[in-house]
Amino acid sequence: MPMLEEQLQGLKTTFDKYAGKDGDKGSLNKAELADLLREEFPGMAGDKKQLDTFFASLDGDKDGTVSFPEFVQFAATLLLIVFSI
């Protein structure tokens, strides 16, 4: 598999690993996002207020969940931040 395709698959695999614990495999709720942040980005989950603010910023359509497209926007933004240093 080409490297870029493999990395994109990794993004989807990571999303799928945490989504659906509440029964909805198409989105992350706040607890699932907190689990993802704690495990994939140690030290980045922050406190409850920070998590609430971060979750609200990811939830573009304000439906109370983070969909895969919203998650991809987060990953792309993070990529831009990391590599623009």
PDB file of N, CA and C in Angstrom:
ATOM      1  N   MET A   1       0.858  -1.179   0.000  1.00  0.00           N
ATOM      2  CA  MET A   1       0.000   0.000   0.000  1.00  0.00           C
ATOM      3  C   MET A   1       0.899   1.236   0.000  1.00  0.00           C
ATOM      4  N   PRO A   2       0.603   2.220  -0.843  1.00  0.00           N
ATOM      5  CA  PRO A   2       1.389   3.459  -0.841  1.00  0.00           C
ATOM      6  C   PRO A   2       1.356   4.141   0.532  1.00  0.00           C
ATOM      7  N   MET A   3       2.430   4.836   0.863  1.00  0.00           N
ATOM      8  CA  MET A   3       2.584   5.422   2.195  1.00  0.00           C
ATOM      9  C   MET A   3       1.443   6.380   2.556  1.00  0.00           C
ATOM     10  N   LEU A   4       1.054   7.278   1.657  1.00  0.00           N
ATOM     11  CA  LEU A   4      -0.003   8.229   1.981  1.00  0.00           C
ATOM     12  C   LEU A   4      -1.326   7.505   2.233  1.00  0.00           C
ATOM     13  N   GLU A   5      -1.632   6.524   1.406  1.00  0.00           N
ATOM     14  CA  GLU A   5      -2.859   5.755   1.608  1.00  0.00           C
ATOM     15  C   GLU A   5      -2.834   5.042   2.956  1.00  0.00           C
ATOM     16  N   GLU A   6      -1.689   4.512   3.326  1.00  0.00           N
ATOM     17  CA  GLU A   6      -1.544   3.832   4.611  1.00  0.00           C
ATOM     18  C   GLU A   6      -1.765   4.806   5.770  1.00  0.00           C
ATOM     19  N   GLN A   7      -1.232   6.004   5.640  1.00  0.00           N
ATOM     20  CA  GLN A   7      -1.391   7.001   6.699  1.00  0.00           C
ATOM     21  C   GLN A   7      -2.838   7.467   6.820  1.00  0.00           C
ATOM     22  N   LEU A   8      -3.511   7.629   5.692  1.00  0.00           N
ATOM     23  CA  LEU A   8      -4.928   8.005   5.729  1.00  0.00           C
ATOM     24  C   LEU A   8      -5.757   6.894   6.354  1.00  0.00           C
ATOM     25  N   GLN A   9      -5.422   5.659   6.039  1.00  0.00           N
ATOM     26  CA  GLN A   9      -6.113   4.524   6.651  1.00  0.00           C
ATOM     27  C   GLN A   9      -5.889   4.527   8.159  1.00  0.00           C
ATOM     28  N   GLY A  10      -4.680   4.911   8.573  1.00  0.00           N
ATOM     29  CA  GLY A  10      -4.378   5.001  10.006  1.00  0.00           C
ATOM     30  C   GLY A  10      -5.252   6.031  10.706  1.00  0.00           C
ATOM     31  N   LEU A  11      -5.535   7.116  10.034  1.00  0.00           N
ATOM     32  CA  LEU A  11      -6.418   8.144  10.594  1.00  0.00           C
ATOM     33  C   LEU A  11      -7.816   7.572  10.821  1.00  0.00           C
ATOM     34  N   LYS A  12      -8.330   6.851   9.820  1.00  0.00           N
ATOM     35  CA  LYS A  12      -9.665   6.244   9.938  1.00  0.00           C
ATOM     36  C   LYS A  12      -9.666   5.146  11.001  1.00  0.00           C
ATOM     37  N   THR A  13      -8.606   4.366  11.053  1.00  0.00           N
ATOM     38  CA  THR A  13      -8.505   3.298  12.046  1.00  0.00           C
ATOM     39  C   THR A  13      -8.500   3.879  13.459  1.00  0.00           C
ATOM     40  N   THR A  14      -7.773   4.983  13.644  1.00  0.00           N
ATOM     41  CA  THR A  14      -7.732   5.633  14.954  1.00  0.00           C
ATOM     42  C   THR A  14      -9.118   6.143  15.341  1.00  0.00           C
ATOM     43  N   PHE A  15      -9.801   6.793  14.416  1.00  0.00           N
ATOM     44  CA  PHE A  15     -11.158   7.274  14.687  1.00  0.00           C
ATOM     45  C   PHE A  15     -12.059   6.103  15.085  1.00  0.00           C
ATOM     46  N   ASP A  16     -12.019   5.035  14.299  1.00  0.00           N
ATOM     47  CA  ASP A  16     -12.879   3.873  14.551  1.00  0.00           C
ATOM     48  C   ASP A  16     -12.578   3.192  15.877  1.00  0.00           C
ATOM     49  N   LYS A  17     -11.322   3.250  16.304  1.00  0.00           N
ATOM     50  CA  LYS A  17     -10.923   2.630  17.575  1.00  0.00           C
ATOM     51  C   LYS A  17     -11.660   3.267  18.753  1.00  0.00           C
ATOM     52  N   TYR A  18     -11.921   4.558  18.688  1.00  0.00           N
ATOM     53  CA  TYR A  18     -12.528   5.273  19.816  1.00  0.00           C
ATOM     54  C   TYR A  18     -14.019   5.549  19.622  1.00  0.00           C
ATOM     55  N   ALA A  19     -14.465   5.658  18.388  1.00  0.00           N
ATOM     56  CA  ALA A  19     -15.884   5.944  18.120  1.00  0.00           C
ATOM     57  C   ALA A  19     -16.727   4.692  18.349  1.00  0.00           C
ATOM     58  N   GLY A  20     -17.944   4.902  18.751  1.00  0.00           N
ATOM     59  CA  GLY A  20     -18.894   3.801  18.824  1.00  0.00           C
ATOM     60  C   GLY A  20     -19.036   3.137  20.166  1.00  0.00           C
ATOM     61  N   LYS A  21     -18.261   3.540  21.139  1.00  0.00           N
ATOM     62  CA  LYS A  21     -18.413   2.938  22.468  1.00  0.00           C
ATOM     63  C   LYS A  21     -19.792   3.241  23.043  1.00  0.00           C
ATOM     64  N   ASP A  22     -20.412   4.322  22.541  1.00  0.00           N
ATOM     65  CA  ASP A  22     -21.755   4.694  22.982  1.00  0.00           C
ATOM     66  C   ASP A  22     -22.828   4.128  22.047  1.00  0.00           C
ATOM     67  N   GLY A  23     -22.395   3.316  21.060  1.00  0.00           N
ATOM     68  CA  GLY A  23     -23.344   2.724  20.119  1.00  0.00           C
ATOM     69  C   GLY A  23     -23.395   3.403  18.764  1.00  0.00           C
ATOM     70  N   ASP A  24     -22.817   4.613  18.645  1.00  0.00           N
ATOM     71  CA  ASP A  24     -22.802   5.346  17.378  1.00  0.00           C
ATOM     72  C   ASP A  24     -21.392   5.307  16.818  1.00  0.00           C
ATOM     73  N   LYS A  25     -21.147   4.392  15.875  1.00  0.00           N
ATOM     74  CA  LYS A  25     -19.807   4.206  15.327  1.00  0.00           C
ATOM     75  C   LYS A  25     -19.396   5.315  14.363  1.00  0.00           C
ATOM     76  N   GLY A  26     -20.304   6.222  14.048  1.00  0.00           N
ATOM     77  CA  GLY A  26     -20.011   7.284  13.098  1.00  0.00           C
ATOM     78  C   GLY A  26     -19.556   8.578  13.727  1.00  0.00           C
ATOM     79  N   SER A  27     -19.417   8.582  15.055  1.00  0.00           N
ATOM     80  CA  SER A  27     -19.034   9.836  15.703  1.00  0.00           C
ATOM     81  C   SER A  27     -18.355   9.566  17.041  1.00  0.00           C
ATOM     82  N   LEU A  28     -17.701  10.608  17.531  1.00  0.00           N
ATOM     83  CA  LEU A  28     -17.079  10.586  18.848  1.00  0.00           C
ATOM     84  C   LEU A  28     -17.901  11.468  19.781  1.00  0.00           C
ATOM     85  N   ASN A  29     -18.261  10.939  20.947  1.00  0.00           N
ATOM     86  CA  ASN A  29     -18.858  11.812  21.948  1.00  0.00           C
ATOM     87  C   ASN A  29     -17.713  12.389  22.788  1.00  0.00           C
ATOM     88  N   LYS A  30     -18.024  13.202  23.751  1.00  0.00           N
ATOM     89  CA  LYS A  30     -16.990  13.887  24.524  1.00  0.00           C
ATOM     90  C   LYS A  30     -16.092  12.899  25.273  1.00  0.00           C
ATOM     91  N   ALA A  31     -16.678  11.855  25.854  1.00  0.00           N
ATOM     92  CA  ALA A  31     -15.885  10.867  26.596  1.00  0.00           C
ATOM     93  C   ALA A  31     -14.955  10.099  25.657  1.00  0.00           C
ATOM     94  N   GLU A  32     -15.451   9.755  24.477  1.00  0.00           N
ATOM     95  CA  GLU A  32     -14.625   9.040  23.501  1.00  0.00           C
ATOM     96  C   GLU A  32     -13.469   9.920  23.019  1.00  0.00           C
ATOM     97  N   LEU A  33     -13.741  11.197  22.789  1.00  0.00           N
ATOM     98  CA  LEU A  33     -12.692  12.122  22.387  1.00  0.00           C
ATOM     99  C   LEU A  33     -11.656  12.264  23.498  1.00  0.00           C
ATOM    100  N   ALA A  34     -12.102  12.326  24.737  1.00  0.00           N
ATOM    101  CA  ALA A  34     -11.172  12.423  25.864  1.00  0.00           C
ATOM    102  C   ALA A  34     -10.277  11.186  25.922  1.00  0.00           C
ATOM    103  N   ASP A  35     -10.860   9.999  25.701  1.00  0.00           N
ATOM    104  CA  ASP A  35     -10.065   8.761  25.668  1.00  0.00           C
ATOM    105  C   ASP A  35      -9.023   8.825  24.555  1.00  0.00           C
ATOM    106  N   LEU A  36      -9.432   9.268  23.370  1.00  0.00           N
ATOM    107  CA  LEU A  36      -8.525   9.380  22.229  1.00  0.00           C
ATOM    108  C   LEU A  36      -7.371  10.323  22.564  1.00  0.00           C
ATOM    109  N   LEU A  37      -7.689  11.474  23.122  1.00  0.00           N
ATOM    110  CA  LEU A  37      -6.646  12.442  23.448  1.00  0.00           C
ATOM    111  C   LEU A  37      -5.684  11.906  24.505  1.00  0.00           C
ATOM    112  N   ARG A  38      -6.220  11.258  25.544  1.00  0.00           N
ATOM    113  CA  ARG A  38      -5.365  10.711  26.606  1.00  0.00           C
ATOM    114  C   ARG A  38      -4.411   9.652  26.068  1.00  0.00           C
ATOM    115  N   GLU A  39      -4.903   8.803  25.168  1.00  0.00           N
ATOM    116  CA  GLU A  39      -4.084   7.700  24.675  1.00  0.00           C
ATOM    117  C   GLU A  39      -3.187   8.094  23.497  1.00  0.00           C
ATOM    118  N   GLU A  40      -3.679   8.929  22.606  1.00  0.00           N
ATOM    119  CA  GLU A  40      -2.932   9.267  21.395  1.00  0.00           C
ATOM    120  C   GLU A  40      -2.079  10.523  21.558  1.00  0.00           C
ATOM    121  N   PHE A  41      -2.488  11.407  22.461  1.00  0.00           N
ATOM    122  CA  PHE A  41      -1.759  12.655  22.715  1.00  0.00           C
ATOM    123  C   PHE A  41      -1.620  12.855  24.221  1.00  0.00           C
ATOM    124  N   PRO A  42      -0.790  12.033  24.888  1.00  0.00           N
ATOM    125  CA  PRO A  42      -0.664  12.142  26.350  1.00  0.00           C
ATOM    126  C   PRO A  42      -0.363  13.581  26.774  1.00  0.00           C
ATOM    127  N   GLY A  43      -1.075  14.021  27.782  1.00  0.00           N
ATOM    128  CA  GLY A  43      -0.881  15.366  28.296  1.00  0.00           C
ATOM    129  C   GLY A  43      -1.680  16.438  27.582  1.00  0.00           C
ATOM    130  N   MET A  44      -2.398  16.067  26.522  1.00  0.00           N
ATOM    131  CA  MET A  44      -3.135  17.065  25.755  1.00  0.00           C
ATOM    132  C   MET A  44      -4.612  17.144  26.146  1.00  0.00           C
ATOM    133  N   ALA A  45      -5.117  16.172  26.874  1.00  0.00           N
ATOM    134  CA  ALA A  45      -6.543  16.153  27.192  1.00  0.00           C
ATOM    135  C   ALA A  45      -6.943  17.326  28.083  1.00  0.00           C
ATOM    136  N   GLY A  46      -6.056  17.762  28.954  1.00  0.00           N
ATOM    137  CA  GLY A  46      -6.355  18.908  29.808  1.00  0.00           C
ATOM    138  C   GLY A  46      -7.449  18.615  30.822  1.00  0.00           C
ATOM    139  N   ASP A  47      -7.965  19.683  31.413  1.00  0.00           N
ATOM    140  CA  ASP A  47      -9.037  19.520  32.394  1.00  0.00           C
ATOM    141  C   ASP A  47     -10.394  19.559  31.693  1.00  0.00           C
ATOM    142  N   LYS A  48     -11.465  19.413  32.469  1.00  0.00           N
ATOM    143  CA  LYS A  48     -12.813  19.328  31.898  1.00  0.00           C
ATOM    144  C   LYS A  48     -13.171  20.584  31.102  1.00  0.00           C
ATOM    145  N   LYS A  49     -12.840  21.742  31.619  1.00  0.00           N
ATOM    146  CA  LYS A  49     -13.171  22.987  30.925  1.00  0.00           C
ATOM    147  C   LYS A  49     -12.440  23.075  29.581  1.00  0.00           C
ATOM    148  N   GLN A  50     -11.168  22.712  29.579  1.00  0.00           N
ATOM    149  CA  GLN A  50     -10.399  22.722  28.328  1.00  0.00           C
ATOM    150  C   GLN A  50     -10.973  21.712  27.334  1.00  0.00           C
ATOM    151  N   LEU A  51     -11.342  20.537  27.825  1.00  0.00           N
ATOM    152  CA  LEU A  51     -11.926  19.521  26.955  1.00  0.00           C
ATOM    153  C   LEU A  51     -13.250  20.002  26.383  1.00  0.00           C
ATOM    154  N   ASP A  52     -14.081  20.625  27.216  1.00  0.00           N
ATOM    155  CA  ASP A  52     -15.360  21.156  26.739  1.00  0.00           C
ATOM    156  C   ASP A  52     -15.150  22.183  25.622  1.00  0.00           C
ATOM    157  N   THR A  53     -14.178  23.077  25.822  1.00  0.00           N
ATOM    158  CA  THR A  53     -13.892  24.102  24.818  1.00  0.00           C
ATOM    159  C   THR A  53     -13.367  23.470  23.531  1.00  0.00           C
ATOM    160  N   PHE A  54     -12.452  22.519  23.670  1.00  0.00           N
ATOM    161  CA  PHE A  54     -11.877  21.839  22.513  1.00  0.00           C
ATOM    162  C   PHE A  54     -12.958  21.066  21.760  1.00  0.00           C
ATOM    163  N   PHE A  55     -13.795  20.334  22.494  1.00  0.00           N
ATOM    164  CA  PHE A  55     -14.872  19.560  21.879  1.00  0.00           C
ATOM    165  C   PHE A  55     -15.808  20.483  21.101  1.00  0.00           C
ATOM    166  N   ALA A  56     -16.171  21.594  21.702  1.00  0.00           N
ATOM    167  CA  ALA A  56     -17.073  22.542  21.038  1.00  0.00           C
ATOM    168  C   ALA A  56     -16.448  23.093  19.760  1.00  0.00           C
ATOM    169  N   SER A  57     -15.134  23.292  19.769  1.00  0.00           N
ATOM    170  CA  SER A  57     -14.473  23.812  18.568  1.00  0.00           C
ATOM    171  C   SER A  57     -14.432  22.768  17.449  1.00  0.00           C
ATOM    172  N   LEU A  58     -14.392  21.490  17.793  1.00  0.00           N
ATOM    173  CA  LEU A  58     -14.393  20.426  16.780  1.00  0.00           C
ATOM    174  C   LEU A  58     -15.782  20.133  16.244  1.00  0.00           C
ATOM    175  N   ASP A  59     -16.781  20.317  17.079  1.00  0.00           N
ATOM    176  CA  ASP A  59     -18.164  19.987  16.721  1.00  0.00           C
ATOM    177  C   ASP A  59     -18.757  21.104  15.854  1.00  0.00           C
ATOM    178  N   GLY A  60     -18.349  21.121  14.601  1.00  0.00           N
ATOM    179  CA  GLY A  60     -18.728  22.204  13.685  1.00  0.00           C
ATOM    180  C   GLY A  60     -20.217  22.379  13.488  1.00  0.00           C
ATOM    181  N   ASP A  61     -20.956  21.278  13.444  1.00  0.00           N
ATOM    182  CA  ASP A  61     -22.399  21.388  13.214  1.00  0.00           C
ATOM    183  C   ASP A  61     -23.198  21.447  14.516  1.00  0.00           C
ATOM    184  N   LYS A  62     -22.493  21.460  15.634  1.00  0.00           N
ATOM    185  CA  LYS A  62     -23.098  21.606  16.972  1.00  0.00           C
ATOM    186  C   LYS A  62     -24.168  20.557  17.262  1.00  0.00           C
ATOM    187  N   ASP A  63     -23.893  19.310  16.843  1.00  0.00           N
ATOM    188  CA  ASP A  63     -24.843  18.226  17.107  1.00  0.00           C
ATOM    189  C   ASP A  63     -24.472  17.415  18.348  1.00  0.00           C
ATOM    190  N   GLY A  64     -23.411  17.831  19.060  1.00  0.00           N
ATOM    191  CA  GLY A  64     -23.017  17.149  20.281  1.00  0.00           C
ATOM    192  C   GLY A  64     -22.079  15.974  20.060  1.00  0.00           C
ATOM    193  N   THR A  65     -21.630  15.783  18.827  1.00  0.00           N
ATOM    194  CA  THR A  65     -20.669  14.728  18.508  1.00  0.00           C
ATOM    195  C   THR A  65     -19.644  15.260  17.508  1.00  0.00           C
ATOM    196  N   VAL A  66     -18.529  14.537  17.406  1.00  0.00           N
ATOM    197  CA  VAL A  66     -17.508  14.856  16.419  1.00  0.00           C
ATOM    198  C   VAL A  66     -17.548  13.756  15.363  1.00  0.00           C
ATOM    199  N   SER A  67     -17.952  14.124  14.160  1.00  0.00           N
ATOM    200  CA  SER A  67     -18.030  13.175  13.046  1.00  0.00           C
ATOM    201  C   SER A  67     -16.632  12.934  12.470  1.00  0.00           C
ATOM    202  N   PHE A  68     -16.516  11.946  11.599  1.00  0.00           N
ATOM    203  CA  PHE A  68     -15.226  11.701  10.968  1.00  0.00           C
ATOM    204  C   PHE A  68     -14.742  12.916  10.167  1.00  0.00           C
ATOM    205  N   PRO A  69     -15.596  13.569   9.362  1.00  0.00           N
ATOM    206  CA  PRO A  69     -15.114  14.780   8.673  1.00  0.00           C
ATOM    207  C   PRO A  69     -14.622  15.870   9.640  1.00  0.00           C
ATOM    208  N   GLU A  70     -15.286  16.027  10.764  1.00  0.00           N
ATOM    209  CA  GLU A  70     -14.836  17.013  11.753  1.00  0.00           C
ATOM    210  C   GLU A  70     -13.493  16.582  12.349  1.00  0.00           C
ATOM    211  N   PHE A  71     -13.335  15.287  12.574  1.00  0.00           N
ATOM    212  CA  PHE A  71     -12.078  14.741  13.083  1.00  0.00           C
ATOM    213  C   PHE A  71     -10.948  14.954  12.080  1.00  0.00           C
ATOM    214  N   VAL A  72     -11.225  14.774  10.806  1.00  0.00           N
ATOM    215  CA  VAL A  72     -10.224  14.986   9.756  1.00  0.00           C
ATOM    216  C   VAL A  72      -9.794  16.454   9.736  1.00  0.00           C
ATOM    217  N   GLN A  73     -10.742  17.371   9.910  1.00  0.00           N
ATOM    218  CA  GLN A  73     -10.386  18.793   9.976  1.00  0.00           C
ATOM    219  C   GLN A  73      -9.434  19.048  11.141  1.00  0.00           C
ATOM    220  N   PHE A  74      -9.700  18.427  12.285  1.00  0.00           N
ATOM    221  CA  PHE A  74      -8.817  18.547  13.443  1.00  0.00           C
ATOM    222  C   PHE A  74      -7.420  18.031  13.091  1.00  0.00           C
ATOM    223  N   ALA A  75      -7.341  16.852  12.473  1.00  0.00           N
ATOM    224  CA  ALA A  75      -6.049  16.263  12.129  1.00  0.00           C
ATOM    225  C   ALA A  75      -5.296  17.150  11.135  1.00  0.00           C
ATOM    226  N   ALA A  76      -5.999  17.683  10.151  1.00  0.00           N
ATOM    227  CA  ALA A  76      -5.361  18.552   9.160  1.00  0.00           C
ATOM    228  C   ALA A  76      -4.856  19.835   9.819  1.00  0.00           C
ATOM    229  N   THR A  77      -5.637  20.405  10.718  1.00  0.00           N
ATOM    230  CA  THR A  77      -5.218  21.619  11.426  1.00  0.00           C
ATOM    231  C   THR A  77      -3.999  21.328  12.286  1.00  0.00           C
ATOM    232  N   LEU A  78      -4.012  20.207  12.985  1.00  0.00           N
ATOM    233  CA  LEU A  78      -2.884  19.816  13.813  1.00  0.00           C
ATOM    234  C   LEU A  78      -1.632  19.634  12.957  1.00  0.00           C
ATOM    235  N   LEU A  79      -1.789  19.016  11.806  1.00  0.00           N
ATOM    236  CA  LEU A  79      -0.674  18.822  10.877  1.00  0.00           C
ATOM    237  C   LEU A  79      -0.072  20.163  10.446  1.00  0.00           C
ATOM    238  N   LEU A  80      -0.935  21.109  10.137  1.00  0.00           N
ATOM    239  CA  LEU A  80      -0.463  22.441   9.729  1.00  0.00           C
ATOM    240  C   LEU A  80       0.267  23.151  10.858  1.00  0.00           C
ATOM    241  N   ILE A  81      -0.249  23.017  12.062  1.00  0.00           N
ATOM    242  CA  ILE A  81       0.389  23.650  13.224  1.00  0.00           C
ATOM    243  C   ILE A  81       1.760  23.037  13.475  1.00  0.00           C
ATOM    244  N   VAL A  82       1.836  21.723  13.471  1.00  0.00           N
ATOM    245  CA  VAL A  82       3.090  21.033  13.774  1.00  0.00           C
ATOM    246  C   VAL A  82       4.162  21.337  12.736  1.00  0.00           C
ATOM    247  N   PHE A  83       3.777  21.363  11.471  1.00  0.00           N
ATOM    248  CA  PHE A  83       4.778  21.528  10.418  1.00  0.00           C
ATOM    249  C   PHE A  83       4.984  22.977   9.967  1.00  0.00           C
ATOM    250  N   SER A  84       4.314  23.920  10.605  1.00  0.00           N
ATOM    251  CA  SER A  84       4.570  25.314  10.252  1.00  0.00           C
ATOM    252  C   SER A  84       5.494  25.970  11.272  1.00  0.00           C
ATOM    253  N   ILE A  85       6.002  25.180  12.188  1.00  0.00           N
ATOM    254  CA  ILE A  85       6.940  25.701  13.202  1.00  0.00           C
ATOM    255  C   ILE A  85       8.303  25.895  12.562  1.00  0.00           C
TER     256      ILE A  85
END
